[in-house]
Amino acid sequence: MRQAIVISLFDHSTNMVRPWADAEFLCYCVDAKHGTGEQKEGNIIRVGANIPDWLPPYAEVKILFAFPPCTHVAVSGARWFRDKGLGALVEALRLFDAALRLAEWTKAPYFIENPVSTVSTYWRKPDYMFNPCDYGGYGNEREDAYTKKTCLWTGNGFIMPQTKWIEPVEGSRMHRVGPSSERASLRSVTPTGFAQAYLKQIT
């Protein structure tokens, strides 16, 4: 019998799938930053591909996660929208739409993650919102003791896991991440507690 698979789109860190890999799911983390081809490490397969051009293998998909780039749609950067132009907005929405189409195609429960963004204006409001500290009790509390309002657009029967709140002693830590080529990746890393919480709920 083939392993049920987990798909995580625009996932460079692989944080979201690590609990699932430990639970013997075969996890595909798809991101152009992985380079070309596929690299397998245990139950995690890093796939270097552009999301609009990629299709998953023929197998049961247990769950799909997606973290499309938010740089050109997050309201925290609204003051730069005019300088970026329409092309940047169109590209951001195109990638979000590609994730949505692939998620619906799998017929598996899914969420698409973004911060508070103009997606709410151009499509619809998110189904759920949370902060990493809301799920810090499931993972490494030192890593998740901060706030960062995170929005989820969900479908195909996705159910939000129960919270285990911890004190956000680090406050809004992500606002202190300095400018660099890796800033967007660092700000989009999945909280470990939330990843653990959803696995516990669905398995």
N, C-alpha and C. Protein backbone atom coordinates (compact mmCIF):
# COMPACT_ATOMS: atom_id res chain seq x y z
N MET A 1 0.84 -1.19 0.00
CA MET A 1 0.00 0.00 0.00
C MET A 1 0.88 1.24 0.00
N ARG A 2 0.57 2.19 -0.88
CA ARG A 2 1.35 3.42 -0.95
C ARG A 2 1.04 4.31 0.24
N GLN A 3 2.06 5.06 0.67
CA GLN A 3 1.86 6.01 1.76
C GLN A 3 0.91 7.12 1.35
N ALA A 4 0.02 7.50 2.26
CA ALA A 4 -0.75 8.72 2.04
C ALA A 4 0.22 9.88 2.07
N ILE A 5 -0.05 10.89 1.27
CA ILE A 5 0.90 11.98 1.15
C ILE A 5 0.34 13.30 1.71
N VAL A 6 1.26 14.15 2.11
CA VAL A 6 0.97 15.50 2.55
C VAL A 6 1.68 16.43 1.57
N ILE A 7 0.99 17.47 1.15
CA ILE A 7 1.58 18.43 0.21
C ILE A 7 1.68 19.78 0.90
N SER A 8 2.83 20.42 0.80
CA SER A 8 3.03 21.74 1.36
C SER A 8 3.65 22.63 0.29
N LEU A 9 2.87 23.59 -0.18
CA LEU A 9 3.28 24.44 -1.30
C LEU A 9 3.94 25.72 -0.81
N PHE A 10 4.90 26.19 -1.57
CA PHE A 10 5.69 27.37 -1.20
C PHE A 10 6.31 27.14 0.19
N ASP A 11 6.85 25.99 0.39
CA ASP A 11 7.38 25.59 1.71
C ASP A 11 8.88 25.35 1.59
N HIS A 12 9.66 26.32 2.04
CA HIS A 12 11.11 26.19 2.01
C HIS A 12 11.64 25.63 3.32
N SER A 13 11.02 25.98 4.44
CA SER A 13 11.53 25.57 5.76
C SER A 13 11.21 24.12 6.09
N THR A 14 10.13 23.58 5.55
CA THR A 14 9.59 22.23 5.83
C THR A 14 9.07 22.08 7.26
N ASN A 15 8.95 23.18 8.02
CA ASN A 15 8.48 23.10 9.40
C ASN A 15 7.10 22.46 9.52
N MET A 16 6.21 22.82 8.60
CA MET A 16 4.83 22.36 8.72
C MET A 16 4.71 20.85 8.60
N VAL A 17 5.55 20.23 7.80
CA VAL A 17 5.38 18.81 7.54
C VAL A 17 6.20 17.90 8.45
N ARG A 18 7.11 18.44 9.22
CA ARG A 18 7.99 17.57 10.01
C ARG A 18 7.23 16.65 10.96
N PRO A 19 6.21 17.12 11.68
CA PRO A 19 5.45 16.18 12.51
C PRO A 19 4.77 15.09 11.68
N TRP A 20 4.35 15.44 10.48
CA TRP A 20 3.69 14.47 9.61
C TRP A 20 4.68 13.44 9.08
N ALA A 21 5.88 13.89 8.75
CA ALA A 21 6.92 12.96 8.31
C ALA A 21 7.26 11.97 9.42
N ASP A 22 7.32 12.47 10.65
CA ASP A 22 7.59 11.59 11.80
C ASP A 22 6.47 10.58 11.99
N ALA A 23 5.26 10.93 11.56
CA ALA A 23 4.11 10.03 11.68
C ALA A 23 3.95 9.14 10.45
N GLU A 24 4.99 9.08 9.61
CA GLU A 24 5.08 8.18 8.47
C GLU A 24 4.25 8.59 7.26
N PHE A 25 3.89 9.86 7.16
CA PHE A 25 3.32 10.36 5.92
C PHE A 25 4.46 10.76 4.99
N LEU A 26 4.25 10.61 3.70
CA LEU A 26 5.23 11.05 2.71
C LEU A 26 4.90 12.49 2.35
N CYS A 27 5.84 13.39 2.62
CA CYS A 27 5.56 14.83 2.55
C CYS A 27 6.30 15.50 1.40
N TYR A 28 5.55 16.12 0.52
CA TYR A 28 6.12 16.85 -0.60
C TYR A 28 6.13 18.34 -0.27
N CYS A 29 7.31 18.92 -0.16
CA CYS A 29 7.46 20.35 0.08
C CYS A 29 7.92 21.00 -1.22
N VAL A 30 7.04 21.75 -1.83
CA VAL A 30 7.28 22.27 -3.17
C VAL A 30 7.61 23.76 -3.09
N ASP A 31 8.77 24.13 -3.61
CA ASP A 31 9.20 25.52 -3.59
C ASP A 31 10.33 25.68 -4.61
N ALA A 32 10.27 26.74 -5.38
CA ALA A 32 11.32 26.97 -6.38
C ALA A 32 12.69 27.12 -5.74
N LYS A 33 12.74 27.52 -4.46
CA LYS A 33 14.01 27.71 -3.77
C LYS A 33 14.72 26.39 -3.49
N HIS A 34 14.05 25.27 -3.66
CA HIS A 34 14.71 23.98 -3.45
C HIS A 34 15.63 23.60 -4.60
N GLY A 35 15.71 24.42 -5.61
CA GLY A 35 16.56 24.09 -6.74
C GLY A 35 15.79 23.30 -7.77
N THR A 36 16.45 22.40 -8.46
CA THR A 36 15.79 21.62 -9.50
C THR A 36 15.64 20.17 -9.05
N GLY A 37 14.60 19.53 -9.55
CA GLY A 37 14.40 18.12 -9.26
C GLY A 37 13.85 17.87 -7.86
N GLU A 38 14.08 16.65 -7.37
CA GLU A 38 13.61 16.25 -6.05
C GLU A 38 14.76 15.74 -5.20
N GLN A 39 14.73 16.07 -3.92
CA GLN A 39 15.70 15.57 -2.95
C GLN A 39 14.93 14.97 -1.78
N LYS A 40 15.17 13.70 -1.51
CA LYS A 40 14.43 12.98 -0.47
C LYS A 40 15.27 12.84 0.79
N GLU A 41 14.68 13.19 1.93
CA GLU A 41 15.32 13.03 3.23
C GLU A 41 14.31 12.38 4.16
N GLY A 42 14.44 11.07 4.37
CA GLY A 42 13.44 10.36 5.14
C GLY A 42 12.10 10.43 4.43
N ASN A 43 11.08 10.91 5.12
CA ASN A 43 9.74 11.02 4.53
C ASN A 43 9.44 12.41 3.97
N ILE A 44 10.47 13.24 3.85
CA ILE A 44 10.29 14.57 3.28
C ILE A 44 10.96 14.64 1.91
N ILE A 45 10.19 15.05 0.92
CA ILE A 45 10.71 15.21 -0.43
C ILE A 45 10.66 16.70 -0.78
N ARG A 46 11.82 17.30 -0.96
CA ARG A 46 11.89 18.70 -1.38
C ARG A 46 11.83 18.74 -2.90
N VAL A 47 10.85 19.45 -3.41
CA VAL A 47 10.63 19.53 -4.85
C VAL A 47 10.90 20.95 -5.32
N GLY A 48 11.86 21.10 -6.22
CA GLY A 48 12.13 22.40 -6.80
C GLY A 48 11.26 22.61 -8.02
N ALA A 49 10.21 23.41 -7.88
CA ALA A 49 9.27 23.61 -8.98
C ALA A 49 8.48 24.89 -8.78
N ASN A 50 7.99 25.42 -9.88
CA ASN A 50 7.05 26.53 -9.83
C ASN A 50 5.65 25.95 -9.62
N ILE A 51 4.94 26.45 -8.64
CA ILE A 51 3.66 25.87 -8.26
C ILE A 51 2.67 25.80 -9.43
N PRO A 52 2.53 26.83 -10.26
CA PRO A 52 1.55 26.73 -11.35
C PRO A 52 1.87 25.62 -12.36
N ASP A 53 3.10 25.13 -12.36
CA ASP A 53 3.50 24.12 -13.34
C ASP A 53 3.57 22.71 -12.75
N TRP A 54 3.27 22.56 -11.44
CA TRP A 54 3.51 21.28 -10.76
C TRP A 54 2.21 20.55 -10.48
N LEU A 55 2.25 19.22 -10.63
CA LEU A 55 1.13 18.36 -10.24
C LEU A 55 1.65 17.29 -9.30
N PRO A 56 0.88 16.93 -8.28
CA PRO A 56 1.33 15.91 -7.32
C PRO A 56 1.29 14.52 -7.92
N PRO A 57 1.97 13.56 -7.29
CA PRO A 57 1.91 12.18 -7.75
C PRO A 57 0.51 11.62 -7.53
N TYR A 58 0.21 10.55 -8.24
CA TYR A 58 -1.10 9.91 -8.09
C TYR A 58 -1.11 9.10 -6.80
N ALA A 59 -1.74 9.64 -5.79
CA ALA A 59 -1.82 8.98 -4.50
C ALA A 59 -2.86 9.70 -3.65
N GLU A 60 -3.27 9.09 -2.55
CA GLU A 60 -4.20 9.75 -1.64
C GLU A 60 -3.51 10.94 -0.99
N VAL A 61 -4.11 12.11 -1.09
CA VAL A 61 -3.58 13.30 -0.44
C VAL A 61 -4.36 13.49 0.86
N LYS A 62 -3.65 13.41 1.98
CA LYS A 62 -4.29 13.52 3.29
C LYS A 62 -4.64 14.97 3.63
N ILE A 63 -3.75 15.88 3.30
CA ILE A 63 -3.92 17.29 3.65
C ILE A 63 -3.00 18.11 2.76
N LEU A 64 -3.41 19.32 2.44
CA LEU A 64 -2.56 20.22 1.65
C LEU A 64 -2.45 21.54 2.38
N PHE A 65 -1.23 22.04 2.47
CA PHE A 65 -0.94 23.35 3.04
C PHE A 65 -0.33 24.22 1.95
N ALA A 66 -0.56 25.52 2.03
CA ALA A 66 0.05 26.42 1.05
C ALA A 66 0.40 27.74 1.72
N PHE A 67 1.58 28.25 1.37
CA PHE A 67 2.10 29.50 1.96
C PHE A 67 2.55 30.43 0.84
N PRO A 68 1.62 30.87 -0.04
CA PRO A 68 2.04 31.70 -1.17
C PRO A 68 2.69 33.00 -0.71
N PRO A 69 3.63 33.51 -1.49
CA PRO A 69 4.35 34.74 -1.11
C PRO A 69 3.38 35.88 -0.82
N CYS A 70 3.66 36.62 0.26
CA CYS A 70 2.74 37.68 0.68
C CYS A 70 3.33 39.08 0.50
N THR A 71 4.56 39.16 0.01
CA THR A 71 5.28 40.44 -0.03
C THR A 71 4.48 41.53 -0.73
N HIS A 72 3.77 41.18 -1.80
CA HIS A 72 3.10 42.19 -2.61
C HIS A 72 1.62 42.36 -2.27
N VAL A 73 1.13 41.64 -1.24
CA VAL A 73 -0.29 41.77 -0.87
C VAL A 73 -0.51 42.05 0.61
N ALA A 74 0.52 41.83 1.45
CA ALA A 74 0.35 42.05 2.89
C ALA A 74 0.11 43.53 3.18
N VAL A 75 -0.89 43.81 4.00
CA VAL A 75 -1.20 45.22 4.28
C VAL A 75 -0.10 45.91 5.06
N SER A 76 0.76 45.13 5.72
CA SER A 76 1.88 45.74 6.43
C SER A 76 2.82 46.48 5.49
N GLY A 77 2.78 46.13 4.19
CA GLY A 77 3.62 46.82 3.21
C GLY A 77 2.84 47.70 2.26
N ALA A 78 1.64 48.11 2.69
CA ALA A 78 0.76 48.87 1.80
C ALA A 78 1.39 50.16 1.29
N ARG A 79 2.26 50.77 2.10
CA ARG A 79 2.84 52.04 1.67
C ARG A 79 3.74 51.90 0.45
N TRP A 80 4.11 50.66 0.10
CA TRP A 80 4.95 50.44 -1.08
C TRP A 80 4.17 49.94 -2.30
N PHE A 81 2.87 49.71 -2.16
CA PHE A 81 2.09 49.14 -3.26
C PHE A 81 2.19 49.97 -4.53
N ARG A 82 2.08 51.29 -4.41
CA ARG A 82 2.10 52.14 -5.60
C ARG A 82 3.41 52.00 -6.36
N ASP A 83 4.53 51.96 -5.63
CA ASP A 83 5.84 51.85 -6.27
C ASP A 83 6.04 50.49 -6.94
N LYS A 84 5.44 49.44 -6.38
CA LYS A 84 5.61 48.09 -6.94
C LYS A 84 4.85 47.92 -8.24
N GLY A 85 3.74 48.63 -8.38
CA GLY A 85 2.97 48.55 -9.61
C GLY A 85 2.01 47.37 -9.65
N LEU A 86 1.17 47.35 -10.69
CA LEU A 86 0.15 46.32 -10.81
C LEU A 86 0.74 44.94 -11.08
N GLY A 87 1.89 44.89 -11.75
CA GLY A 87 2.48 43.60 -12.08
C GLY A 87 2.77 42.76 -10.86
N ALA A 88 3.29 43.40 -9.80
CA ALA A 88 3.60 42.66 -8.58
C ALA A 88 2.34 42.12 -7.93
N LEU A 89 1.28 42.91 -7.92
CA LEU A 89 0.01 42.47 -7.36
C LEU A 89 -0.57 41.30 -8.15
N VAL A 90 -0.55 41.43 -9.47
CA VAL A 90 -1.08 40.37 -10.33
C VAL A 90 -0.34 39.07 -10.11
N GLU A 91 0.99 39.13 -10.00
CA GLU A 91 1.79 37.92 -9.79
C GLU A 91 1.47 37.28 -8.45
N ALA A 92 1.34 38.09 -7.40
CA ALA A 92 1.02 37.54 -6.08
C ALA A 92 -0.33 36.84 -6.09
N LEU A 93 -1.32 37.47 -6.71
CA LEU A 93 -2.65 36.86 -6.76
C LEU A 93 -2.66 35.62 -7.66
N ARG A 94 -1.83 35.63 -8.70
CA ARG A 94 -1.74 34.45 -9.59
C ARG A 94 -1.21 33.24 -8.82
N LEU A 95 -0.21 33.45 -7.97
CA LEU A 95 0.35 32.34 -7.19
C LEU A 95 -0.64 31.86 -6.13
N PHE A 96 -1.34 32.78 -5.51
CA PHE A 96 -2.38 32.40 -4.54
C PHE A 96 -3.45 31.56 -5.24
N ASP A 97 -3.87 32.00 -6.42
CA ASP A 97 -4.89 31.27 -7.18
C ASP A 97 -4.40 29.89 -7.59
N ALA A 98 -3.11 29.78 -7.96
CA ALA A 98 -2.56 28.48 -8.34
C ALA A 98 -2.62 27.51 -7.17
N ALA A 99 -2.31 28.01 -5.95
CA ALA A 99 -2.41 27.16 -4.77
C ALA A 99 -3.84 26.74 -4.52
N LEU A 100 -4.77 27.66 -4.67
CA LEU A 100 -6.19 27.35 -4.46
C LEU A 100 -6.68 26.29 -5.44
N ARG A 101 -6.34 26.44 -6.70
CA ARG A 101 -6.78 25.49 -7.71
C ARG A 101 -6.23 24.09 -7.46
N LEU A 102 -4.96 24.02 -7.08
CA LEU A 102 -4.35 22.72 -6.80
C LEU A 102 -4.98 22.10 -5.55
N ALA A 103 -5.24 22.92 -4.54
CA ALA A 103 -5.87 22.42 -3.31
C ALA A 103 -7.24 21.84 -3.60
N GLU A 104 -8.04 22.55 -4.37
CA GLU A 104 -9.37 22.06 -4.70
C GLU A 104 -9.30 20.79 -5.55
N TRP A 105 -8.31 20.72 -6.41
CA TRP A 105 -8.16 19.55 -7.28
C TRP A 105 -7.88 18.28 -6.49
N THR A 106 -7.13 18.39 -5.40
CA THR A 106 -6.80 17.19 -4.61
C THR A 106 -8.00 16.64 -3.85
N LYS A 107 -9.00 17.49 -3.58
CA LYS A 107 -10.18 17.14 -2.79
C LYS A 107 -9.84 16.83 -1.33
N ALA A 108 -8.63 17.14 -0.92
CA ALA A 108 -8.20 16.94 0.47
C ALA A 108 -8.46 18.21 1.27
N PRO A 109 -8.62 18.10 2.59
CA PRO A 109 -8.70 19.32 3.41
C PRO A 109 -7.46 20.18 3.18
N TYR A 110 -7.64 21.49 3.21
CA TYR A 110 -6.49 22.36 2.95
C TYR A 110 -6.63 23.68 3.68
N PHE A 111 -5.48 24.34 3.84
CA PHE A 111 -5.50 25.76 4.19
C PHE A 111 -4.45 26.48 3.35
N ILE A 112 -4.75 27.75 3.06
CA ILE A 112 -3.81 28.64 2.39
C ILE A 112 -3.53 29.76 3.36
N GLU A 113 -2.25 29.96 3.68
CA GLU A 113 -1.86 30.91 4.73
C GLU A 113 -1.31 32.19 4.13
N ASN A 114 -1.70 33.30 4.73
CA ASN A 114 -1.15 34.62 4.42
C ASN A 114 -1.37 35.50 5.64
N PRO A 115 -0.61 36.57 5.77
CA PRO A 115 -0.92 37.54 6.81
C PRO A 115 -2.17 38.33 6.41
N VAL A 116 -2.54 39.31 7.21
CA VAL A 116 -3.62 40.20 6.82
C VAL A 116 -3.23 40.85 5.49
N SER A 117 -4.06 40.67 4.47
CA SER A 117 -3.63 41.07 3.14
C SER A 117 -4.80 41.52 2.28
N THR A 118 -4.47 42.02 1.09
CA THR A 118 -5.49 42.47 0.17
C THR A 118 -6.24 41.31 -0.49
N VAL A 119 -5.84 40.07 -0.22
CA VAL A 119 -6.61 38.93 -0.70
C VAL A 119 -8.05 39.04 -0.20
N SER A 120 -8.22 39.56 1.00
CA SER A 120 -9.57 39.73 1.56
C SER A 120 -10.41 40.68 0.70
N THR A 121 -9.75 41.62 0.06
CA THR A 121 -10.45 42.57 -0.81
C THR A 121 -10.74 41.98 -2.17
N TYR A 122 -9.74 41.31 -2.74
CA TYR A 122 -9.88 40.83 -4.11
C TYR A 122 -10.61 39.49 -4.20
N TRP A 123 -10.70 38.76 -3.11
CA TRP A 123 -11.39 37.47 -3.13
C TRP A 123 -12.42 37.42 -2.01
N ARG A 124 -12.01 37.00 -0.82
CA ARG A 124 -12.91 36.96 0.33
C ARG A 124 -12.11 36.98 1.62
N LYS A 125 -12.79 37.21 2.73
CA LYS A 125 -12.13 37.24 4.02
C LYS A 125 -11.68 35.83 4.41
N PRO A 126 -10.63 35.72 5.24
CA PRO A 126 -10.16 34.39 5.67
C PRO A 126 -11.18 33.70 6.55
N ASP A 127 -11.06 32.38 6.62
CA ASP A 127 -11.95 31.58 7.47
C ASP A 127 -11.51 31.61 8.93
N TYR A 128 -10.20 31.72 9.16
CA TYR A 128 -9.66 31.70 10.53
C TYR A 128 -8.49 32.66 10.62
N MET A 129 -8.24 33.12 11.86
CA MET A 129 -7.06 33.93 12.15
C MET A 129 -6.49 33.45 13.48
N PHE A 130 -5.14 33.45 13.60
CA PHE A 130 -4.52 33.05 14.86
C PHE A 130 -3.15 33.70 14.99
N ASN A 131 -2.60 33.62 16.19
CA ASN A 131 -1.22 34.03 16.48
C ASN A 131 -0.43 32.78 16.88
N PRO A 132 0.88 32.74 16.61
CA PRO A 132 1.67 31.57 17.02
C PRO A 132 1.52 31.20 18.48
N CYS A 133 1.41 32.20 19.37
CA CYS A 133 1.29 31.90 20.80
C CYS A 133 0.00 31.18 21.13
N ASP A 134 -1.01 31.22 20.24
CA ASP A 134 -2.27 30.51 20.49
C ASP A 134 -2.06 29.00 20.51
N TYR A 135 -1.00 28.51 19.87
CA TYR A 135 -0.72 27.08 19.79
C TYR A 135 0.64 26.72 20.38
N GLY A 136 1.22 27.65 21.12
CA GLY A 136 2.55 27.43 21.68
C GLY A 136 2.64 26.28 22.65
N GLY A 137 1.51 25.90 23.27
CA GLY A 137 1.51 24.80 24.22
C GLY A 137 1.73 23.44 23.60
N TYR A 138 1.66 23.35 22.26
CA TYR A 138 1.87 22.07 21.58
C TYR A 138 3.33 21.83 21.21
N GLY A 139 4.09 22.89 21.05
CA GLY A 139 5.44 22.73 20.52
C GLY A 139 6.48 23.27 21.46
N ASN A 140 7.47 23.92 20.88
CA ASN A 140 8.54 24.53 21.65
C ASN A 140 8.10 25.93 22.06
N GLU A 141 7.77 26.11 23.35
CA GLU A 141 7.20 27.37 23.80
C GLU A 141 8.14 28.55 23.57
N ARG A 142 9.43 28.32 23.60
CA ARG A 142 10.39 29.41 23.38
C ARG A 142 10.32 29.91 21.95
N GLU A 143 9.96 29.03 21.01
CA GLU A 143 9.88 29.43 19.61
C GLU A 143 8.59 30.15 19.27
N ASP A 144 7.50 29.82 19.96
CA ASP A 144 6.18 30.31 19.56
C ASP A 144 5.60 31.37 20.48
N ALA A 145 6.39 31.92 21.38
CA ALA A 145 5.87 32.90 22.35
C ALA A 145 5.86 34.31 21.76
N TYR A 146 5.17 34.48 20.64
CA TYR A 146 5.08 35.78 20.00
C TYR A 146 3.75 35.90 19.25
N THR A 147 3.44 37.11 18.84
CA THR A 147 2.23 37.36 18.06
C THR A 147 2.59 37.67 16.62
N LYS A 148 1.77 37.18 15.72
CA LYS A 148 1.88 37.50 14.29
C LYS A 148 0.54 37.07 13.69
N LYS A 149 -0.31 38.02 13.45
CA LYS A 149 -1.65 37.69 12.99
C LYS A 149 -1.58 36.95 11.67
N THR A 150 -2.08 35.73 11.68
CA THR A 150 -1.98 34.83 10.54
C THR A 150 -3.38 34.44 10.08
N CYS A 151 -3.62 34.54 8.79
CA CYS A 151 -4.94 34.25 8.22
C CYS A 151 -4.91 32.93 7.46
N LEU A 152 -6.00 32.18 7.55
CA LEU A 152 -6.12 30.93 6.82
C LEU A 152 -7.39 30.93 5.98
N TRP A 153 -7.24 30.63 4.71
CA TRP A 153 -8.38 30.37 3.84
C TRP A 153 -8.44 28.85 3.68
N THR A 154 -9.56 28.26 3.97
CA THR A 154 -9.64 26.80 4.09
C THR A 154 -10.74 26.21 3.22
N GLY A 155 -10.70 24.88 3.09
CA GLY A 155 -11.73 24.20 2.31
C GLY A 155 -11.66 22.70 2.44
N ASN A 156 -12.60 22.03 1.79
CA ASN A 156 -12.68 20.56 1.75
C ASN A 156 -12.70 19.94 3.14
N GLY A 157 -13.43 20.56 4.07
CA GLY A 157 -13.62 19.96 5.38
C GLY A 157 -12.54 20.27 6.40
N PHE A 158 -11.69 21.26 6.14
CA PHE A 158 -10.66 21.63 7.12
C PHE A 158 -11.33 22.07 8.42
N ILE A 159 -10.78 21.61 9.56
CA ILE A 159 -11.27 21.99 10.89
C ILE A 159 -10.10 22.57 11.67
N MET A 160 -10.28 23.73 12.25
CA MET A 160 -9.22 24.39 13.01
C MET A 160 -8.96 23.63 14.30
N PRO A 161 -7.68 23.38 14.64
CA PRO A 161 -7.38 22.66 15.88
C PRO A 161 -7.63 23.51 17.13
N GLN A 162 -7.79 22.82 18.25
CA GLN A 162 -8.02 23.50 19.52
C GLN A 162 -6.74 24.20 19.96
N THR A 163 -6.88 25.38 20.53
CA THR A 163 -5.72 26.16 20.93
C THR A 163 -5.13 25.68 22.25
N LYS A 164 -3.85 26.00 22.45
CA LYS A 164 -3.15 25.85 23.74
C LYS A 164 -2.29 27.11 23.89
N TRP A 165 -2.92 28.15 24.40
CA TRP A 165 -2.32 29.48 24.43
C TRP A 165 -1.17 29.56 25.43
N ILE A 166 -0.13 30.32 25.06
CA ILE A 166 0.95 30.66 25.99
C ILE A 166 1.16 32.16 25.96
N GLU A 167 1.80 32.67 26.97
CA GLU A 167 2.05 34.11 27.07
C GLU A 167 3.00 34.56 25.95
N PRO A 168 2.61 35.57 25.15
CA PRO A 168 3.49 36.05 24.07
C PRO A 168 4.57 36.98 24.60
N VAL A 169 5.51 36.41 25.32
CA VAL A 169 6.51 37.23 26.02
C VAL A 169 7.43 37.97 25.06
N GLU A 170 7.52 37.52 23.81
CA GLU A 170 8.38 38.18 22.84
C GLU A 170 7.64 39.22 22.01
N GLY A 171 6.34 39.38 22.29
CA GLY A 171 5.58 40.38 21.56
C GLY A 171 5.52 40.10 20.07
N SER A 172 5.54 41.15 19.27
CA SER A 172 5.45 41.02 17.82
C SER A 172 6.85 40.86 17.24
N ARG A 173 7.43 39.70 17.44
CA ARG A 173 8.83 39.45 17.10
C ARG A 173 9.14 39.64 15.62
N MET A 174 8.22 39.31 14.75
CA MET A 174 8.49 39.36 13.32
C MET A 174 8.77 40.76 12.81
N HIS A 175 8.24 41.77 13.51
CA HIS A 175 8.50 43.15 13.09
C HIS A 175 9.95 43.56 13.34
N ARG A 176 10.65 42.75 14.12
CA ARG A 176 12.05 43.08 14.42
C ARG A 176 13.03 42.37 13.50
N VAL A 177 12.53 41.59 12.55
CA VAL A 177 13.40 40.93 11.59
C VAL A 177 13.94 41.98 10.63
N GLY A 178 15.25 42.13 10.58
CA GLY A 178 15.87 43.17 9.77
C GLY A 178 15.81 42.89 8.28
N PRO A 179 16.00 43.91 7.47
CA PRO A 179 16.01 43.75 6.01
C PRO A 179 17.13 42.80 5.56
N SER A 180 16.78 41.87 4.69
CA SER A 180 17.75 40.95 4.10
C SER A 180 17.06 40.17 3.00
N SER A 181 17.86 39.41 2.23
CA SER A 181 17.28 38.60 1.16
C SER A 181 16.43 37.47 1.69
N GLU A 182 16.62 37.13 2.99
CA GLU A 182 15.87 36.03 3.59
C GLU A 182 14.73 36.51 4.47
N ARG A 183 14.48 37.82 4.49
CA ARG A 183 13.47 38.36 5.41
C ARG A 183 12.09 37.74 5.18
N ALA A 184 11.67 37.63 3.92
CA ALA A 184 10.35 37.08 3.63
C ALA A 184 10.24 35.63 4.08
N SER A 185 11.31 34.86 3.87
CA SER A 185 11.29 33.45 4.29
C SER A 185 11.22 33.33 5.80
N LEU A 186 11.99 34.15 6.52
CA LEU A 186 12.00 34.10 7.97
C LEU A 186 10.64 34.48 8.55
N ARG A 187 9.97 35.45 7.93
CA ARG A 187 8.68 35.89 8.43
C ARG A 187 7.58 34.88 8.14
N SER A 188 7.79 33.98 7.18
CA SER A 188 6.74 33.04 6.78
C SER A 188 6.91 31.65 7.36
N VAL A 189 7.93 31.44 8.20
CA VAL A 189 8.16 30.11 8.78
C VAL A 189 6.97 29.70 9.65
N THR A 190 6.51 28.48 9.49
CA THR A 190 5.34 27.99 10.21
C THR A 190 5.64 27.78 11.68
N PRO A 191 4.79 28.27 12.58
CA PRO A 191 4.97 27.98 14.01
C PRO A 191 4.89 26.48 14.28
N THR A 192 5.84 25.96 15.05
CA THR A 192 5.89 24.52 15.30
C THR A 192 4.68 24.04 16.08
N GLY A 193 4.18 24.86 17.00
CA GLY A 193 3.03 24.46 17.80
C GLY A 193 1.79 24.24 16.95
N PHE A 194 1.55 25.12 15.98
CA PHE A 194 0.39 24.96 15.12
C PHE A 194 0.51 23.69 14.29
N ALA A 195 1.70 23.40 13.78
CA ALA A 195 1.91 22.18 12.99
C ALA A 195 1.59 20.94 13.82
N GLN A 196 2.05 20.93 15.06
CA GLN A 196 1.78 19.79 15.95
C GLN A 196 0.30 19.69 16.27
N ALA A 197 -0.35 20.82 16.50
CA ALA A 197 -1.76 20.82 16.88
C ALA A 197 -2.63 20.22 15.79
N TYR A 198 -2.37 20.58 14.54
CA TYR A 198 -3.23 20.07 13.48
C TYR A 198 -3.02 18.58 13.25
N LEU A 199 -1.79 18.13 13.38
CA LEU A 199 -1.54 16.69 13.25
C LEU A 199 -2.29 15.91 14.32
N LYS A 200 -2.26 16.38 15.56
CA LYS A 200 -2.96 15.70 16.64
C LYS A 200 -4.46 15.62 16.37
N GLN A 201 -5.00 16.62 15.73
CA GLN A 201 -6.44 16.64 15.49
C GLN A 201 -6.86 15.68 14.40
N ILE A 202 -6.06 15.59 13.34
CA ILE A 202 -6.49 14.87 12.16
C ILE A 202 -6.11 13.39 12.18
N THR A 203 -5.18 12.99 13.06
CA THR A 203 -4.75 11.58 13.08
C THR A 203 -5.26 10.87 14.31
